[in-house]
C-alpha atoms as a PDB file:
ATOM      1  CA  VAL A   1     -11.025   9.080  -3.085  1.00  0.00           C
ATOM      2  CA  GLY A   2     -10.903   5.553  -1.701  1.00  0.00           C
ATOM      3  CA  SER A   3      -9.734   2.631  -3.784  1.00  0.00           C
ATOM      4  CA  ILE A   4     -12.162  -0.123  -4.692  1.00  0.00           C
ATOM      5  CA  LYS A   5     -12.253  -2.846  -2.031  1.00  0.00           C
ATOM      6  CA  SER A   6     -11.422  -6.483  -2.858  1.00  0.00           C
ATOM      7  CA  VAL A   7     -12.904  -9.448  -1.027  1.00  0.00           C
ATOM      8  CA  TRP A   8     -10.093 -10.674   1.228  1.00  0.00           C
ATOM      9  CA  LEU A   9     -12.085 -13.216   3.224  1.00  0.00           C
ATOM     10  CA  PRO A  10     -15.157 -14.759   1.564  1.00  0.00           C
ATOM     11  CA  ALA A  11     -18.108 -15.653   3.812  1.00  0.00           C
ATOM     12  CA  VAL A  12     -17.937 -19.362   2.845  1.00  0.00           C
ATOM     13  CA  LYS A  13     -14.463 -19.596   4.393  1.00  0.00           C
ATOM     14  CA  ALA A  14     -15.319 -17.706   7.583  1.00  0.00           C
ATOM     15  CA  LYS A  15     -18.628 -19.109   8.822  1.00  0.00           C
ATOM     16  CA  GLY A  16     -20.572 -16.221   7.331  1.00  0.00           C
ATOM     17  CA  LEU A  17     -18.131 -13.341   7.950  1.00  0.00           C
ATOM     18  CA  GLU A  18     -17.061 -11.526   4.801  1.00  0.00           C
ATOM     19  CA  ILE A  19     -14.201  -9.013   4.860  1.00  0.00           C
ATOM     20  CA  SER A  20     -13.372  -6.809   1.906  1.00  0.00           C
ATOM     21  CA  GLY A  21     -10.741  -4.121   1.998  1.00  0.00           C
ATOM     22  CA  THR A  22      -8.156  -1.837   0.518  1.00  0.00           C
ATOM     23  CA  PHE A  23      -5.204   0.238   1.769  1.00  0.00           C
ATOM     24  CA  GLY A  24      -4.867   4.010   1.825  1.00  0.00           C
ATOM     25  CA  HIS A  25      -2.295   6.686   2.656  1.00  0.00           C
ATOM     26  CA  ARG A  26      -3.835   9.835   4.150  1.00  0.00           C
ATOM     27  CA  GLN A  27      -2.113  12.789   5.867  1.00  0.00           C
ATOM     28  CA  GLY A  28       1.098  10.809   6.274  1.00  0.00           C
ATOM     29  CA  HIS A  29      -0.580   7.726   7.760  1.00  0.00           C
ATOM     30  CA  ILE A  30      -1.317   4.252   6.396  1.00  0.00           C
ATOM     31  CA  TYR A  31      -4.844   2.861   6.742  1.00  0.00           C
ATOM     32  CA  MET A  32      -6.465  -0.506   6.132  1.00  0.00           C
ATOM     33  CA  ASP A  33     -10.016   0.321   5.049  1.00  0.00           C
ATOM     34  CA  MET A  34     -12.303  -2.680   5.523  1.00  0.00           C
ATOM     35  CA  SER A  35     -15.961  -3.657   5.320  1.00  0.00           C
ATOM     36  CA  PHE A  36     -17.149  -6.420   7.657  1.00  0.00           C
ATOM     37  CA  THR A  37     -20.398  -8.106   6.538  1.00  0.00           C
ATOM     38  CA  ASN A  38     -22.344 -10.699   8.527  1.00  0.00           C
ATOM     39  CA  LYS A  39     -23.847 -13.260   6.127  1.00  0.00           C
ATOM     40  CA  ALA A  40     -24.619 -15.748   8.902  1.00  0.00           C
ATOM     41  CA  LEU A  41     -27.870 -16.239  10.834  1.00  0.00           C
ATOM     42  CA  GLN A  42     -26.452 -15.254  14.217  1.00  0.00           C
ATOM     43  CA  HIS A  43     -24.892 -12.029  15.504  1.00  0.00           C
ATOM     44  CA  MET A  44     -21.102 -11.550  15.588  1.00  0.00           C
ATOM     45  CA  SER A  45     -19.135  -9.730  18.284  1.00  0.00           C
ATOM     46  CA  ASP A  46     -15.760  -9.586  20.097  1.00  0.00           C
ATOM     47  CA  PHE A  47     -13.771  -8.687  16.977  1.00  0.00           C
ATOM     48  CA  ALA A  48      -9.972  -8.511  17.082  1.00  0.00           C
ATOM     49  CA  ILE A  49      -7.244  -8.398  14.418  1.00  0.00           C
ATOM     50  CA  GLN A  50      -3.576  -9.446  14.327  1.00  0.00           C
ATOM     51  CA  PHE A  51      -0.864  -9.432  11.660  1.00  0.00           C
ATOM     52  CA  ASN A  52       1.984 -11.894  11.145  1.00  0.00           C
ATOM     53  CA  LYS A  53       5.514 -10.517  10.924  1.00  0.00           C
ATOM     54  CA  ASN A  54       5.984  -8.948   7.478  1.00  0.00           C
ATOM     55  CA  SER A  55       8.587  -7.266   5.255  1.00  0.00           C
ATOM     56  CA  PHE A  56       7.780  -3.708   6.367  1.00  0.00           C
ATOM     57  CA  GLY A  57       6.924  -4.281  10.041  1.00  0.00           C
ATOM     58  CA  VAL A  58       3.306  -3.229   9.441  1.00  0.00           C
ATOM     59  CA  ILE A  59       1.081  -3.567  12.538  1.00  0.00           C
ATOM     60  CA  PRO A  60      -2.253  -2.029  13.636  1.00  0.00           C
ATOM     61  CA  SER A  61      -1.870   1.217  15.628  1.00  0.00           C
ATOM     62  CA  THR A  62      -5.152   0.642  17.477  1.00  0.00           C
ATOM     63  CA  SER A  63      -7.529  -2.216  18.156  1.00  0.00           C
ATOM     64  CA  LEU A  64     -10.394  -2.948  15.770  1.00  0.00           C
ATOM     65  CA  ALA A  65     -13.152  -0.401  16.421  1.00  0.00           C
ATOM     66  CA  ILE A  66     -16.259  -2.595  16.163  1.00  0.00           C
ATOM     67  CA  HIS A  67     -18.013  -1.974  19.463  1.00  0.00           C
ATOM     68  CA  THR A  68     -21.538  -3.208  18.769  1.00  0.00           C
ATOM     69  CA  PRO A  69     -22.602  -6.689  17.667  1.00  0.00           C
ATOM     70  CA  LEU A  70     -22.796  -7.168  13.903  1.00  0.00           C
ATOM     71  CA  MET A  71     -26.298  -8.436  13.191  1.00  0.00           C
ATOM     72  CA  PRO A  72     -27.218 -10.819  10.323  1.00  0.00           C
ATOM     73  CA  ASN A  73     -27.071  -9.031   6.930  1.00  0.00           C
ATOM     74  CA  GLN A  74     -25.442  -6.004   8.568  1.00  0.00           C
ATOM     75  CA  SER A  75     -22.265  -4.398   7.244  1.00  0.00           C
ATOM     76  CA  ILE A  76     -19.839  -2.033   8.985  1.00  0.00           C
ATOM     77  CA  ASP A  77     -16.943   0.006   7.564  1.00  0.00           C
ATOM     78  CA  VAL A  78     -13.752   0.224   9.600  1.00  0.00           C
ATOM     79  CA  SER A  79     -10.646   2.322   8.949  1.00  0.00           C
ATOM     80  CA  LEU A  80      -7.748   0.735  10.845  1.00  0.00           C
ATOM     81  CA  PRO A  81      -4.671   2.973  11.269  1.00  0.00           C
ATOM     82  CA  LEU A  82      -1.374   1.129  10.758  1.00  0.00           C
ATOM     83  CA  ASN A  83       2.253   1.843  11.603  1.00  0.00           C
ATOM     84  CA  THR A  84       5.571   0.239  10.642  1.00  0.00           C
ATOM     85  CA  LEU A  85       7.016  -0.288  14.126  1.00  0.00           C
ATOM     86  CA  GLY A  86       6.353  -4.042  14.257  1.00  0.00           C
ATOM     87  CA  PRO A  87       8.701  -7.019  13.853  1.00  0.00           C
ATOM     88  CA  VAL A  88      10.146  -7.523  10.369  1.00  0.00           C
ATOM     89  CA  MET A  89      10.358 -10.757   8.407  1.00  0.00           C
ATOM     90  CA  LYS A  90      10.904 -10.950   4.639  1.00  0.00           C
ATOM     91  CA  MET A  91       7.771 -12.180   2.890  1.00  0.00           C
ATOM     92  CA  GLU A  92       7.243 -13.683  -0.548  1.00  0.00           C
ATOM     93  CA  PRO A  93       6.047 -11.632  -2.362  1.00  0.00           C
ATOM     94  CA  LEU A  94       7.611  -8.721  -0.482  1.00  0.00           C
ATOM     95  CA  ASN A  95       4.309  -6.869   0.110  1.00  0.00           C
ATOM     96  CA  ASN A  96       2.374  -9.911   1.377  1.00  0.00           C
ATOM     97  CA  LEU A  97       0.452  -9.444   4.649  1.00  0.00           C
ATOM     98  CA  GLN A  98      -0.962 -12.386   6.630  1.00  0.00           C
ATOM     99  CA  VAL A  99      -3.920 -11.443   8.804  1.00  0.00           C
ATOM    100  CA  ALA A 100      -5.872 -13.179  11.567  1.00  0.00           C
ATOM    101  CA  VAL A 101      -9.346 -11.950  12.562  1.00  0.00           C
ATOM    102  CA  LYS A 102     -11.167 -13.257  15.606  1.00  0.00           C
ATOM    103  CA  ASN A 103     -14.822 -12.978  16.572  1.00  0.00           C
ATOM    104  CA  ASN A 104     -17.182 -14.776  18.980  1.00  0.00           C
ATOM    105  CA  ILE A 105     -17.466 -17.681  16.518  1.00  0.00           C
ATOM    106  CA  ASP A 106     -13.867 -18.529  15.535  1.00  0.00           C
ATOM    107  CA  VAL A 107     -10.504 -17.247  14.288  1.00  0.00           C
ATOM    108  CA  PHE A 108     -10.113 -16.743  10.534  1.00  0.00           C
ATOM    109  CA  TYR A 109      -6.987 -16.227   8.419  1.00  0.00           C
ATOM    110  CA  PHE A 110      -6.375 -14.486   5.115  1.00  0.00           C
ATOM    111  CA  SER A 111      -3.559 -12.898   3.115  1.00  0.00           C
ATOM    112  CA  CYS A 112      -3.601  -9.657   1.158  1.00  0.00           C
ATOM    113  CA  LEU A 113      -1.059  -7.547  -0.714  1.00  0.00           C
ATOM    114  CA  ILE A 114      -0.140  -4.071   0.525  1.00  0.00           C
ATOM    115  CA  PRO A 115       0.181  -1.738  -2.493  1.00  0.00           C
ATOM    116  CA  LEU A 116       3.745  -0.413  -2.295  1.00  0.00           C
ATOM    117  CA  ASN A 117       2.659   3.207  -2.884  1.00  0.00           C
ATOM    118  CA  VAL A 118       1.020   3.384   0.574  1.00  0.00           C
ATOM    119  CA  LEU A 119       4.506   2.733   1.987  1.00  0.00           C
ATOM    120  CA  PHE A 120       6.088   5.722   0.210  1.00  0.00           C
ATOM    121  CA  VAL A 121       6.912   8.403   2.774  1.00  0.00           C
ATOM    122  CA  GLU A 122       6.547  12.189   2.460  1.00  0.00           C
ATOM    123  CA  ASP A 123      10.264  12.954   2.813  1.00  0.00           C
ATOM    124  CA  GLY A 124      11.297  10.999  -0.282  1.00  0.00           C
ATOM    125  CA  LYS A 125      12.684  13.967  -2.204  1.00  0.00           C
ATOM    126  CA  MET A 126      16.432  13.432  -2.585  1.00  0.00           C
ATOM    127  CA  GLU A 127      18.859  16.349  -2.970  1.00  0.00           C
ATOM    128  CA  ARG A 128      19.867  16.711  -6.615  1.00  0.00           C
ATOM    129  CA  GLN A 129      23.606  16.213  -6.008  1.00  0.00           C
ATOM    130  CA  VAL A 130      22.969  13.191  -3.791  1.00  0.00           C
ATOM    131  CA  PHE A 131      20.668  11.786  -6.484  1.00  0.00           C
ATOM    132  CA  LEU A 132      23.353  12.118  -9.180  1.00  0.00           C
ATOM    133  CA  ALA A 133      26.033  10.511  -7.004  1.00  0.00           C
ATOM    134  CA  THR A 134      23.708   7.699  -5.883  1.00  0.00           C
ATOM    135  CA  TRP A 135      22.496   7.028  -9.437  1.00  0.00           C
ATOM    136  CA  LYS A 136      26.112   6.470 -10.596  1.00  0.00           C
ATOM    137  CA  ASP A 137      26.764   4.054  -7.709  1.00  0.00           C
ATOM    138  CA  ILE A 138      23.799   1.731  -8.303  1.00  0.00           C
ATOM    139  CA  PRO A 139      25.066  -1.631  -9.576  1.00  0.00           C
ATOM    140  CA  ASN A 140      23.537  -2.969 -12.821  1.00  0.00           C
ATOM    141  CA  GLU A 141      22.009  -5.989 -11.088  1.00  0.00           C
ATOM    142  CA  ASN A 142      19.885  -3.613  -8.992  1.00  0.00           C
ATOM    143  CA  GLU A 143      18.348  -2.063 -12.086  1.00  0.00           C
ATOM    144  CA  LEU A 144      14.972  -2.925 -13.634  1.00  0.00           C
ATOM    145  CA  GLN A 145      13.589  -1.629 -16.920  1.00  0.00           C
ATOM    146  CA  PHE A 146      10.012  -1.816 -18.142  1.00  0.00           C
ATOM    147  CA  GLN A 147       7.635  -0.079 -20.509  1.00  0.00           C
ATOM    148  CA  ILE A 148       4.298   1.488 -19.571  1.00  0.00           C
ATOM    149  CA  LYS A 149       1.905   1.409 -22.523  1.00  0.00           C
ATOM    150  CA  GLU A 150      -1.386   3.232 -23.172  1.00  0.00           C
ATOM    151  CA  CYS A 151      -0.443   6.094 -20.852  1.00  0.00           C
ATOM    152  CA  HIS A 152      -1.112   9.314 -22.790  1.00  0.00           C
ATOM    153  CA  LEU A 153       0.106  11.961 -20.351  1.00  0.00           C
ATOM    154  CA  ASN A 154       2.638  14.749 -20.700  1.00  0.00           C
ATOM    155  CA  ALA A 155       5.640  15.134 -18.402  1.00  0.00           C
ATOM    156  CA  ASP A 156       4.058  17.757 -16.140  1.00  0.00           C
ATOM    157  CA  THR A 157       0.880  15.724 -15.591  1.00  0.00           C
ATOM    158  CA  VAL A 158       2.941  12.592 -14.865  1.00  0.00           C
ATOM    159  CA  SER A 159       5.122  14.550 -12.460  1.00  0.00           C
ATOM    160  CA  SER A 160       2.194  15.965 -10.439  1.00  0.00           C
ATOM    161  CA  LYS A 161       0.325  12.617 -10.368  1.00  0.00           C
ATOM    162  CA  LEU A 162       3.461  10.899  -9.056  1.00  0.00           C
ATOM    163  CA  GLN A 163       4.093  13.644  -6.493  1.00  0.00           C
ATOM    164  CA  ASN A 164       0.575  13.027  -5.118  1.00  0.00           C
ATOM    165  CA  ASN A 165       1.879   9.509  -4.336  1.00  0.00           C
ATOM    166  CA  ASN A 166       5.156  10.740  -2.755  1.00  0.00           C
ATOM    167  CA  ILE A 167       7.269  10.104  -5.871  1.00  0.00           C
ATOM    168  CA  TYR A 168       9.289  13.280  -6.422  1.00  0.00           C
ATOM    169  CA  THR A 169      10.777  14.677  -9.626  1.00  0.00           C
ATOM    170  CA  ILE A 170      14.398  15.665  -8.932  1.00  0.00           C
ATOM    171  CA  ALA A 171      15.317  16.789 -12.442  1.00  0.00           C
ATOM    172  CA  LYS A 172      13.804  17.049 -15.904  1.00  0.00           C
ATOM    173  CA  ARG A 173      15.543  17.361 -19.244  1.00  0.00           C
ATOM    174  CA  ASN A 174      14.711  16.988 -22.903  1.00  0.00           C
ATOM    175  CA  VAL A 175      16.798  14.573 -24.971  1.00  0.00           C
ATOM    176  CA  GLU A 176      16.140  14.374 -28.718  1.00  0.00           C
ATOM    177  CA  GLY A 177      12.530  15.485 -28.288  1.00  0.00           C
ATOM    178  CA  GLN A 178      11.830  13.102 -25.388  1.00  0.00           C
ATOM    179  CA  ASP A 179      11.177  14.338 -21.881  1.00  0.00           C
ATOM    180  CA  MET A 180      13.279  12.590 -19.249  1.00  0.00           C
ATOM    181  CA  LEU A 181      12.130  12.717 -15.622  1.00  0.00           C
ATOM    182  CA  TYR A 182      14.407  11.664 -12.760  1.00  0.00           C
ATOM    183  CA  GLN A 183      12.585  10.634  -9.612  1.00  0.00           C
ATOM    184  CA  SER A 184      13.154   9.493  -6.074  1.00  0.00           C
ATOM    185  CA  LEU A 185      10.956   7.888  -3.454  1.00  0.00           C
ATOM    186  CA  LYS A 186      11.602   6.466  -0.008  1.00  0.00           C
ATOM    187  CA  LEU A 187       9.897   3.510   1.653  1.00  0.00           C
ATOM    188  CA  THR A 188       8.851   3.409   5.314  1.00  0.00           C
ATOM    189  CA  ASN A 189      11.891   1.210   6.066  1.00  0.00           C
ATOM    190  CA  GLY A 190      14.300   3.889   4.799  1.00  0.00           C
ATOM    191  CA  ILE A 191      15.079   2.229   1.448  1.00  0.00           C
ATOM    192  CA  TRP A 192      15.377   4.668  -1.453  1.00  0.00           C
ATOM    193  CA  ILE A 193      14.219   3.941  -5.011  1.00  0.00           C
ATOM    194  CA  LEU A 194      15.474   6.077  -7.915  1.00  0.00           C
ATOM    195  CA  ALA A 195      13.805   6.168 -11.315  1.00  0.00           C
ATOM    196  CA  GLU A 196      14.360   7.532 -14.791  1.00  0.00           C
ATOM    197  CA  LEU A 197      11.184   8.023 -16.797  1.00  0.00           C
ATOM    198  CA  ARG A 198      11.392   8.590 -20.541  1.00  0.00           C
ATOM    199  CA  ILE A 199       8.219  10.083 -21.982  1.00  0.00           C
ATOM    200  CA  GLN A 200       7.771   9.737 -25.727  1.00  0.00           C
ATOM    201  CA  PRO A 201       5.884  12.576 -27.392  1.00  0.00           C
ATOM    202  CA  GLY A 202       2.274  11.819 -28.408  1.00  0.00           C
END
């Protein structure tokens, strides 16, 4: 199921070209799913796309597959495969991506945010002993705590939903009637994130 697309480049800022998009993670690959719409009075052609350096080295794996001219009021859907082999530069916020799109009319620029979950890799399940040792070694300043409200799910449902997004449950225990889940995930750049999830009954 694809996520809902957001308008990244409104037509008024791009001489009639509107780009909306979202990111996906399918079969171990990252995709940028976009819709290109021509709201101008003339056809558009010669499309190309480029990314600025970014925190995760995200770059297109192929060129933009729009081979026929985009006629006025026409829309085309493009799924651009991405990889993380590009140059790295820390962005603010960390998941910010600056994009340039060219066509026969001009070059247009926009920024979008890559949802972090598309950067979670399949081999993010940490060995239990390694998890325990690593958890003890994490300094306090590297720890964040927050509450998720209005989420009425039991531990097993949470665990399987998270696993679908490459967040793996390493251990589960029950403390004073509360389920505790311990999870690990790994980002494309090899950074591990460990989590403790406390699920209150009801």
